[in-house]
């Protein structure tokens, strides 16, 4: 049973890392489930200490906070730079189309999608659409970066405790 939980925990940790960058996969929550499975497997770290429930719950709180920040911050930053909700939608749609040429396509697709959607659907000028696309893109980068760091650290602890 320990081997099955260990393999499943590692698999979820890897999928969580991928989900931190790829749209549609909830990266940190999947990584946390992997961490939870490592907890259930009763593995120990290098010092022989098992994972504590407090440690697991702290990481659950971190995952919840990062998920909320990832949802709220890009929208807030887009609005702060003068963008509309269309810029946010353009970021996500451009990122999905950018998956054809990862990783550069994801970033350029997000930036270009935000600009085009804000320009054509909000009747903003070029400069306003450019500023809002930069805001949407920076919000996307911050959210993705936070998710990647959190999932990466949880993956580290999955490996340590298995």
N, C-alpha and C. Protein backbone atom coordinates (compact mmCIF):
# COMPACT_ATOMS: atom_id res chain seq x y z
N UNK A 1 0.82 -1.19 0.00
CA UNK A 1 0.00 0.00 0.00
C UNK A 1 0.87 1.26 0.00
N UNK A 2 1.99 1.19 0.73
CA UNK A 2 2.89 2.34 0.79
C UNK A 2 3.42 2.69 -0.61
N UNK A 3 3.78 1.69 -1.39
CA UNK A 3 4.31 1.93 -2.73
C UNK A 3 3.25 2.56 -3.62
N UNK A 4 2.02 2.07 -3.54
CA UNK A 4 0.93 2.63 -4.34
C UNK A 4 0.70 4.10 -3.99
N UNK A 5 0.63 4.42 -2.70
CA UNK A 5 0.42 5.81 -2.28
C UNK A 5 1.60 6.69 -2.69
N UNK A 6 2.81 6.14 -2.61
CA UNK A 6 4.00 6.91 -2.99
C UNK A 6 3.98 7.24 -4.48
N UNK A 7 3.66 6.27 -5.29
CA UNK A 7 3.60 6.50 -6.75
C UNK A 7 2.50 7.49 -7.09
N UNK A 8 1.34 7.33 -6.46
CA UNK A 8 0.22 8.25 -6.71
C UNK A 8 0.55 9.66 -6.24
N UNK A 9 1.22 9.79 -5.09
CA UNK A 9 1.61 11.10 -4.58
C UNK A 9 2.59 11.78 -5.53
N UNK A 10 3.58 11.04 -6.00
CA UNK A 10 4.55 11.60 -6.95
C UNK A 10 3.89 12.00 -8.25
N UNK A 11 2.97 11.17 -8.73
CA UNK A 11 2.25 11.47 -9.97
C UNK A 11 1.44 12.76 -9.83
N UNK A 12 0.72 12.88 -8.71
CA UNK A 12 -0.06 14.10 -8.49
C UNK A 12 0.84 15.32 -8.32
N UNK A 13 2.00 15.14 -7.70
CA UNK A 13 2.95 16.24 -7.58
C UNK A 13 3.44 16.73 -8.94
N UNK A 14 3.73 15.80 -9.83
CA UNK A 14 4.18 16.17 -11.19
C UNK A 14 3.04 16.84 -11.96
N UNK A 15 1.85 16.27 -11.88
CA UNK A 15 0.70 16.87 -12.56
C UNK A 15 0.41 18.25 -11.98
N UNK A 16 0.61 18.41 -10.68
CA UNK A 16 0.43 19.72 -10.06
C UNK A 16 1.42 20.75 -10.58
N UNK A 17 2.66 20.33 -10.79
CA UNK A 17 3.65 21.24 -11.38
C UNK A 17 3.24 21.65 -12.79
N UNK A 18 2.80 20.68 -13.58
CA UNK A 18 2.35 20.98 -14.94
C UNK A 18 1.13 21.88 -14.89
N UNK A 19 0.21 21.59 -13.97
CA UNK A 19 -1.01 22.38 -13.85
C UNK A 19 -0.77 23.80 -13.37
N UNK A 20 0.38 24.06 -12.80
CA UNK A 20 0.71 25.42 -12.39
C UNK A 20 0.95 26.32 -13.59
N UNK A 21 1.32 25.73 -14.70
CA UNK A 21 1.61 26.49 -15.91
C UNK A 21 0.51 26.32 -16.95
N UNK A 22 0.01 25.11 -17.10
CA UNK A 22 -1.01 24.83 -18.11
C UNK A 22 -2.38 25.26 -17.61
N UNK A 23 -3.16 25.89 -18.46
CA UNK A 23 -4.50 26.29 -18.05
C UNK A 23 -5.43 25.08 -17.94
N UNK A 24 -6.36 25.17 -17.03
CA UNK A 24 -7.36 24.13 -16.89
C UNK A 24 -7.05 23.08 -15.84
N UNK A 25 -5.80 22.99 -15.41
CA UNK A 25 -5.42 22.04 -14.37
C UNK A 25 -5.14 22.81 -13.08
N UNK A 26 -5.79 22.45 -12.01
CA UNK A 26 -5.54 23.16 -10.74
C UNK A 26 -4.24 22.67 -10.09
N UNK A 27 -3.13 23.29 -10.42
CA UNK A 27 -1.82 22.83 -10.00
C UNK A 27 -1.63 22.67 -8.50
N UNK A 28 -1.71 23.76 -7.72
CA UNK A 28 -1.47 23.62 -6.28
C UNK A 28 -2.44 22.66 -5.57
N UNK A 29 -3.74 22.66 -5.88
CA UNK A 29 -4.59 21.68 -5.21
C UNK A 29 -4.20 20.23 -5.52
N UNK A 30 -3.80 19.96 -6.75
CA UNK A 30 -3.35 18.60 -7.07
C UNK A 30 -2.06 18.25 -6.33
N UNK A 31 -1.17 19.22 -6.24
CA UNK A 31 0.07 18.99 -5.48
C UNK A 31 -0.24 18.74 -4.01
N UNK A 32 -1.22 19.47 -3.47
CA UNK A 32 -1.57 19.27 -2.07
C UNK A 32 -2.16 17.87 -1.85
N UNK A 33 -2.96 17.40 -2.79
CA UNK A 33 -3.48 16.04 -2.66
C UNK A 33 -2.33 15.04 -2.67
N UNK A 34 -1.31 15.29 -3.48
CA UNK A 34 -0.11 14.45 -3.46
C UNK A 34 0.58 14.50 -2.12
N UNK A 35 0.66 15.70 -1.53
CA UNK A 35 1.25 15.85 -0.20
C UNK A 35 0.42 15.11 0.85
N UNK A 36 -0.89 15.18 0.71
CA UNK A 36 -1.79 14.46 1.62
C UNK A 36 -1.57 12.95 1.52
N UNK A 37 -1.40 12.47 0.30
CA UNK A 37 -1.13 11.03 0.13
C UNK A 37 0.22 10.64 0.73
N UNK A 38 1.19 11.54 0.65
CA UNK A 38 2.48 11.28 1.30
C UNK A 38 2.28 11.22 2.82
N UNK A 39 1.40 12.05 3.33
CA UNK A 39 1.06 12.02 4.76
C UNK A 39 0.41 10.69 5.13
N UNK A 40 -0.52 10.24 4.29
CA UNK A 40 -1.21 8.97 4.55
C UNK A 40 -0.28 7.77 4.46
N UNK A 41 0.76 7.89 3.64
CA UNK A 41 1.69 6.77 3.49
C UNK A 41 2.60 6.62 4.70
N UNK A 42 2.50 7.57 5.63
CA UNK A 42 3.27 7.54 6.88
C UNK A 42 4.78 7.51 6.64
N UNK A 43 5.18 8.18 5.56
CA UNK A 43 6.61 8.27 5.29
C UNK A 43 7.30 9.20 6.27
N UNK A 44 8.60 9.16 6.31
CA UNK A 44 9.38 10.00 7.21
C UNK A 44 10.43 10.76 6.40
N UNK A 45 10.89 11.88 6.98
CA UNK A 45 11.94 12.64 6.31
C UNK A 45 13.30 12.06 6.65
N UNK A 46 14.36 12.72 6.25
CA UNK A 46 15.71 12.21 6.47
C UNK A 46 16.07 12.07 7.94
N UNK A 47 15.44 12.87 8.81
CA UNK A 47 15.71 12.79 10.24
C UNK A 47 14.86 11.73 10.94
N UNK A 48 13.98 11.08 10.17
CA UNK A 48 13.13 10.05 10.74
C UNK A 48 11.83 10.56 11.32
N UNK A 49 11.51 11.83 11.08
CA UNK A 49 10.28 12.42 11.60
C UNK A 49 9.15 12.26 10.59
N UNK A 50 7.96 11.86 11.05
CA UNK A 50 6.82 11.79 10.13
C UNK A 50 6.26 13.19 9.88
N UNK A 51 5.50 13.33 8.80
CA UNK A 51 4.87 14.60 8.49
C UNK A 51 3.77 14.86 9.52
N UNK A 52 3.71 16.08 10.02
CA UNK A 52 2.70 16.41 11.03
C UNK A 52 1.42 16.90 10.35
N UNK A 53 0.33 16.76 11.06
CA UNK A 53 -0.96 17.26 10.57
C UNK A 53 -0.93 18.78 10.47
N UNK A 54 -0.24 19.43 11.39
CA UNK A 54 -0.11 20.89 11.35
C UNK A 54 0.58 21.33 10.07
N UNK A 55 1.65 20.65 9.71
CA UNK A 55 2.38 20.94 8.48
C UNK A 55 1.45 20.82 7.28
N UNK A 56 0.67 19.76 7.25
CA UNK A 56 -0.26 19.52 6.15
C UNK A 56 -1.33 20.61 6.07
N UNK A 57 -1.86 21.01 7.21
CA UNK A 57 -2.90 22.05 7.24
C UNK A 57 -2.36 23.42 6.88
N UNK A 58 -1.12 23.69 7.26
CA UNK A 58 -0.49 24.96 6.85
C UNK A 58 -0.38 25.01 5.33
N UNK A 59 0.02 23.89 4.72
CA UNK A 59 0.12 23.87 3.26
C UNK A 59 -1.25 23.97 2.60
N UNK A 60 -2.28 23.45 3.25
CA UNK A 60 -3.64 23.63 2.72
C UNK A 60 -4.01 25.11 2.73
N UNK A 61 -3.69 25.81 3.80
CA UNK A 61 -3.96 27.25 3.86
C UNK A 61 -3.18 28.00 2.78
N UNK A 62 -1.92 27.63 2.57
CA UNK A 62 -1.11 28.26 1.53
C UNK A 62 -1.74 28.04 0.16
N UNK A 63 -2.20 26.82 -0.10
CA UNK A 63 -2.83 26.51 -1.39
C UNK A 63 -4.10 27.34 -1.58
N UNK A 64 -4.89 27.48 -0.55
CA UNK A 64 -6.12 28.28 -0.65
C UNK A 64 -5.78 29.75 -0.92
N UNK A 65 -4.81 30.27 -0.21
CA UNK A 65 -4.42 31.68 -0.42
C UNK A 65 -3.89 31.89 -1.83
N UNK A 66 -3.02 31.01 -2.28
CA UNK A 66 -2.46 31.16 -3.63
C UNK A 66 -3.55 31.03 -4.69
N UNK A 67 -4.50 30.15 -4.49
CA UNK A 67 -5.59 29.99 -5.45
C UNK A 67 -6.45 31.25 -5.52
N UNK A 68 -6.72 31.86 -4.37
CA UNK A 68 -7.50 33.10 -4.35
C UNK A 68 -6.71 34.23 -5.01
N UNK A 69 -5.43 34.35 -4.66
CA UNK A 69 -4.60 35.40 -5.26
C UNK A 69 -4.52 35.21 -6.77
N UNK A 70 -4.37 33.97 -7.22
CA UNK A 70 -4.30 33.70 -8.65
C UNK A 70 -5.60 34.07 -9.36
N UNK A 71 -6.69 34.00 -8.68
CA UNK A 71 -7.98 34.35 -9.27
C UNK A 71 -8.23 35.85 -9.24
N UNK A 72 -7.86 36.52 -8.14
CA UNK A 72 -8.20 37.92 -7.94
C UNK A 72 -7.15 38.88 -8.50
N UNK A 73 -5.88 38.60 -8.29
CA UNK A 73 -4.82 39.56 -8.63
C UNK A 73 -4.77 39.92 -10.12
N UNK A 74 -4.83 38.95 -11.05
CA UNK A 74 -4.79 39.35 -12.46
C UNK A 74 -5.94 40.28 -12.85
N UNK A 75 -7.12 40.00 -12.33
CA UNK A 75 -8.27 40.84 -12.64
C UNK A 75 -8.08 42.25 -12.06
N UNK A 76 -7.60 42.31 -10.82
CA UNK A 76 -7.37 43.60 -10.19
C UNK A 76 -6.31 44.40 -10.94
N UNK A 77 -5.22 43.75 -11.33
CA UNK A 77 -4.15 44.45 -12.02
C UNK A 77 -4.59 44.89 -13.41
N UNK A 78 -5.41 44.10 -14.06
CA UNK A 78 -5.94 44.49 -15.37
C UNK A 78 -6.80 45.74 -15.25
N UNK A 79 -7.68 45.76 -14.25
CA UNK A 79 -8.53 46.94 -14.04
C UNK A 79 -7.70 48.15 -13.61
N UNK A 80 -6.66 47.91 -12.80
CA UNK A 80 -5.81 49.01 -12.34
C UNK A 80 -5.05 49.67 -13.48
N UNK A 81 -4.79 48.92 -14.54
CA UNK A 81 -4.08 49.49 -15.70
C UNK A 81 -5.05 49.95 -16.78
N UNK A 82 -6.33 50.02 -16.46
CA UNK A 82 -7.31 50.58 -17.38
C UNK A 82 -7.98 49.56 -18.28
N UNK A 83 -7.79 48.31 -18.04
CA UNK A 83 -8.36 47.27 -18.90
C UNK A 83 -9.78 46.90 -18.52
N UNK A 84 -10.37 46.14 -19.39
CA UNK A 84 -11.73 45.65 -19.18
C UNK A 84 -11.67 44.15 -18.89
N UNK A 85 -12.82 43.59 -18.64
CA UNK A 85 -12.87 42.14 -18.41
C UNK A 85 -12.48 41.38 -19.67
N UNK A 86 -12.62 42.03 -20.82
CA UNK A 86 -12.24 41.37 -22.07
C UNK A 86 -10.73 41.11 -22.14
N UNK A 87 -9.95 41.99 -21.54
CA UNK A 87 -8.50 41.76 -21.52
C UNK A 87 -8.18 40.49 -20.74
N UNK A 88 -8.88 40.28 -19.64
CA UNK A 88 -8.68 39.06 -18.88
C UNK A 88 -9.06 37.82 -19.66
N UNK A 89 -10.19 37.89 -20.34
CA UNK A 89 -10.60 36.76 -21.18
C UNK A 89 -9.60 36.53 -22.31
N UNK A 90 -9.12 37.62 -22.91
CA UNK A 90 -8.14 37.50 -23.98
C UNK A 90 -6.85 36.86 -23.51
N UNK A 91 -6.46 37.14 -22.27
CA UNK A 91 -5.26 36.53 -21.71
C UNK A 91 -5.40 35.01 -21.67
N UNK A 92 -6.53 34.55 -21.15
CA UNK A 92 -6.75 33.11 -21.02
C UNK A 92 -6.87 32.45 -22.40
N UNK A 93 -7.62 33.04 -23.30
CA UNK A 93 -7.81 32.46 -24.63
C UNK A 93 -6.49 32.47 -25.41
N UNK A 94 -5.75 33.57 -25.31
CA UNK A 94 -4.45 33.62 -25.99
C UNK A 94 -3.47 32.60 -25.43
N UNK A 95 -3.53 32.38 -24.12
CA UNK A 95 -2.66 31.39 -23.51
C UNK A 95 -3.01 29.99 -23.99
N UNK A 96 -4.29 29.70 -24.13
CA UNK A 96 -4.71 28.37 -24.62
C UNK A 96 -4.22 28.16 -26.05
N UNK A 97 -4.38 29.17 -26.90
CA UNK A 97 -3.88 29.05 -28.26
C UNK A 97 -2.35 28.97 -28.29
N UNK A 98 -1.71 29.62 -27.32
CA UNK A 98 -0.26 29.59 -27.24
C UNK A 98 0.31 28.24 -26.84
N UNK A 99 -0.55 27.35 -26.36
CA UNK A 99 -0.09 26.01 -26.00
C UNK A 99 0.44 25.24 -27.20
N UNK A 100 0.13 25.72 -28.40
CA UNK A 100 0.63 25.07 -29.61
C UNK A 100 2.15 25.17 -29.67
N UNK A 101 2.69 26.30 -29.18
CA UNK A 101 4.14 26.52 -29.19
C UNK A 101 4.65 26.86 -27.79
N UNK A 102 4.60 25.89 -26.87
CA UNK A 102 5.06 26.20 -25.51
C UNK A 102 6.57 26.35 -25.47
N UNK A 103 7.13 27.03 -24.51
CA UNK A 103 6.52 27.89 -23.52
C UNK A 103 6.34 29.32 -24.02
N UNK A 104 7.07 29.68 -25.10
CA UNK A 104 7.00 31.06 -25.60
C UNK A 104 5.59 31.41 -26.07
N UNK A 105 4.92 30.47 -26.71
CA UNK A 105 3.57 30.72 -27.22
C UNK A 105 2.58 31.03 -26.12
N UNK A 106 2.77 30.43 -24.96
CA UNK A 106 1.86 30.68 -23.84
C UNK A 106 1.96 32.14 -23.41
N UNK A 107 3.19 32.63 -23.27
CA UNK A 107 3.38 34.01 -22.81
C UNK A 107 2.98 35.02 -23.88
N UNK A 108 3.41 34.79 -25.12
CA UNK A 108 3.05 35.72 -26.19
C UNK A 108 1.55 35.66 -26.48
N UNK A 109 0.98 34.47 -26.41
CA UNK A 109 -0.46 34.32 -26.62
C UNK A 109 -1.26 35.07 -25.57
N UNK A 110 -0.81 34.99 -24.32
CA UNK A 110 -1.50 35.71 -23.24
C UNK A 110 -1.42 37.21 -23.45
N UNK A 111 -0.26 37.70 -23.79
CA UNK A 111 -0.07 39.13 -24.00
C UNK A 111 -0.86 39.63 -25.22
N UNK A 112 -0.74 38.93 -26.32
CA UNK A 112 -1.43 39.33 -27.54
C UNK A 112 -2.95 39.18 -27.40
N UNK A 113 -3.39 38.11 -26.77
CA UNK A 113 -4.83 37.90 -26.56
C UNK A 113 -5.44 39.02 -25.73
N UNK A 114 -4.76 39.43 -24.66
CA UNK A 114 -5.25 40.52 -23.82
C UNK A 114 -5.35 41.81 -24.62
N UNK A 115 -4.34 42.10 -25.41
CA UNK A 115 -4.35 43.32 -26.21
C UNK A 115 -5.48 43.31 -27.23
N UNK A 116 -5.58 42.23 -28.00
CA UNK A 116 -6.59 42.18 -29.07
C UNK A 116 -8.00 42.21 -28.52
N UNK A 117 -8.27 41.46 -27.48
CA UNK A 117 -9.62 41.44 -26.92
C UNK A 117 -10.00 42.80 -26.34
N UNK A 118 -9.07 43.43 -25.65
CA UNK A 118 -9.37 44.74 -25.08
C UNK A 118 -9.54 45.78 -26.18
N UNK A 119 -8.73 45.71 -27.20
CA UNK A 119 -8.80 46.68 -28.30
C UNK A 119 -10.09 46.55 -29.09
N UNK A 120 -10.46 45.32 -29.46
CA UNK A 120 -11.61 45.13 -30.33
C UNK A 120 -12.95 45.09 -29.60
N UNK A 121 -12.98 44.57 -28.39
CA UNK A 121 -14.26 44.41 -27.72
C UNK A 121 -14.59 45.54 -26.74
N UNK A 122 -13.61 46.33 -26.33
CA UNK A 122 -13.86 47.39 -25.36
C UNK A 122 -13.83 48.77 -25.99
N UNK A 123 -13.52 48.86 -27.25
CA UNK A 123 -13.42 50.14 -27.94
C UNK A 123 -12.40 51.07 -27.28
N UNK A 124 -11.36 50.48 -26.74
CA UNK A 124 -10.26 51.27 -26.19
C UNK A 124 -9.27 51.56 -27.31
N UNK A 125 -8.50 52.60 -27.12
CA UNK A 125 -7.46 52.91 -28.08
C UNK A 125 -6.29 51.95 -27.94
N UNK A 126 -5.32 52.13 -28.83
CA UNK A 126 -4.15 51.25 -28.84
C UNK A 126 -3.38 51.37 -27.53
N UNK A 127 -3.15 52.60 -27.06
CA UNK A 127 -2.35 52.78 -25.86
C UNK A 127 -3.03 52.19 -24.62
N UNK A 128 -4.32 52.43 -24.48
CA UNK A 128 -5.06 51.89 -23.32
C UNK A 128 -5.08 50.37 -23.38
N UNK A 129 -5.29 49.82 -24.56
CA UNK A 129 -5.30 48.37 -24.71
C UNK A 129 -3.92 47.78 -24.43
N UNK A 130 -2.88 48.49 -24.84
CA UNK A 130 -1.53 48.01 -24.57
C UNK A 130 -1.25 48.00 -23.07
N UNK A 131 -1.62 49.09 -22.37
CA UNK A 131 -1.41 49.14 -20.92
C UNK A 131 -2.20 48.04 -20.22
N UNK A 132 -3.43 47.83 -20.63
CA UNK A 132 -4.23 46.80 -19.96
C UNK A 132 -3.70 45.41 -20.28
N UNK A 133 -3.16 45.22 -21.48
CA UNK A 133 -2.60 43.91 -21.80
C UNK A 133 -1.34 43.65 -20.96
N UNK A 134 -0.56 44.68 -20.71
CA UNK A 134 0.61 44.53 -19.84
C UNK A 134 0.15 44.18 -18.42
N UNK A 135 -0.90 44.84 -17.94
CA UNK A 135 -1.43 44.54 -16.62
C UNK A 135 -1.95 43.12 -16.53
N UNK A 136 -2.70 42.69 -17.53
CA UNK A 136 -3.23 41.33 -17.54
C UNK A 136 -2.09 40.31 -17.61
N UNK A 137 -1.10 40.62 -18.43
CA UNK A 137 0.03 39.71 -18.57
C UNK A 137 0.84 39.62 -17.28
N UNK A 138 1.09 40.75 -16.63
CA UNK A 138 1.82 40.72 -15.36
C UNK A 138 1.04 39.98 -14.28
N UNK A 139 -0.28 40.17 -14.27
CA UNK A 139 -1.11 39.42 -13.34
C UNK A 139 -1.03 37.93 -13.58
N UNK A 140 -1.02 37.55 -14.84
CA UNK A 140 -0.88 36.14 -15.22
C UNK A 140 0.48 35.61 -14.76
N UNK A 141 1.53 36.38 -14.97
CA UNK A 141 2.88 35.94 -14.57
C UNK A 141 2.99 35.78 -13.05
N UNK A 142 2.45 36.72 -12.30
CA UNK A 142 2.51 36.64 -10.84
C UNK A 142 1.73 35.41 -10.35
N UNK A 143 0.53 35.23 -10.86
CA UNK A 143 -0.27 34.08 -10.45
C UNK A 143 0.39 32.76 -10.81
N UNK A 144 0.90 32.67 -12.03
CA UNK A 144 1.56 31.45 -12.47
C UNK A 144 2.84 31.20 -11.67
N UNK A 145 3.58 32.26 -11.42
CA UNK A 145 4.81 32.12 -10.63
C UNK A 145 4.53 31.63 -9.22
N UNK A 146 3.52 32.20 -8.58
CA UNK A 146 3.17 31.76 -7.23
C UNK A 146 2.75 30.29 -7.23
N UNK A 147 1.92 29.92 -8.19
CA UNK A 147 1.47 28.52 -8.25
C UNK A 147 2.64 27.58 -8.48
N UNK A 148 3.55 27.98 -9.34
CA UNK A 148 4.70 27.14 -9.65
C UNK A 148 5.61 26.96 -8.43
N UNK A 149 5.85 28.04 -7.71
CA UNK A 149 6.69 27.96 -6.51
C UNK A 149 6.03 27.08 -5.46
N UNK A 150 4.76 27.30 -5.20
CA UNK A 150 4.06 26.51 -4.17
C UNK A 150 4.02 25.04 -4.56
N UNK A 151 3.70 24.74 -5.81
CA UNK A 151 3.66 23.35 -6.25
C UNK A 151 5.05 22.72 -6.23
N UNK A 152 6.07 23.51 -6.57
CA UNK A 152 7.44 23.00 -6.54
C UNK A 152 7.89 22.66 -5.13
N UNK A 153 7.56 23.51 -4.17
CA UNK A 153 7.94 23.23 -2.79
C UNK A 153 7.19 22.01 -2.26
N UNK A 154 5.91 21.91 -2.61
CA UNK A 154 5.15 20.73 -2.17
C UNK A 154 5.71 19.46 -2.81
N UNK A 155 6.14 19.56 -4.06
CA UNK A 155 6.75 18.40 -4.71
C UNK A 155 8.02 17.99 -3.98
N UNK A 156 8.79 18.97 -3.55
CA UNK A 156 9.98 18.69 -2.77
C UNK A 156 9.62 17.91 -1.51
N UNK A 157 8.60 18.37 -0.80
CA UNK A 157 8.21 17.68 0.43
C UNK A 157 7.59 16.32 0.16
N UNK A 158 6.93 16.15 -0.96
CA UNK A 158 6.42 14.83 -1.32
C UNK A 158 7.60 13.85 -1.44
N UNK A 159 8.64 14.29 -2.14
CA UNK A 159 9.83 13.44 -2.32
C UNK A 159 10.51 13.18 -0.98
N UNK A 160 10.62 14.19 -0.16
CA UNK A 160 11.29 14.05 1.14
C UNK A 160 10.55 13.06 2.04
N UNK A 161 9.23 13.12 2.05
CA UNK A 161 8.47 12.29 2.97
C UNK A 161 8.09 10.92 2.42
N UNK A 162 8.52 10.62 1.22
CA UNK A 162 8.21 9.28 0.68
C UNK A 162 9.39 8.40 0.77
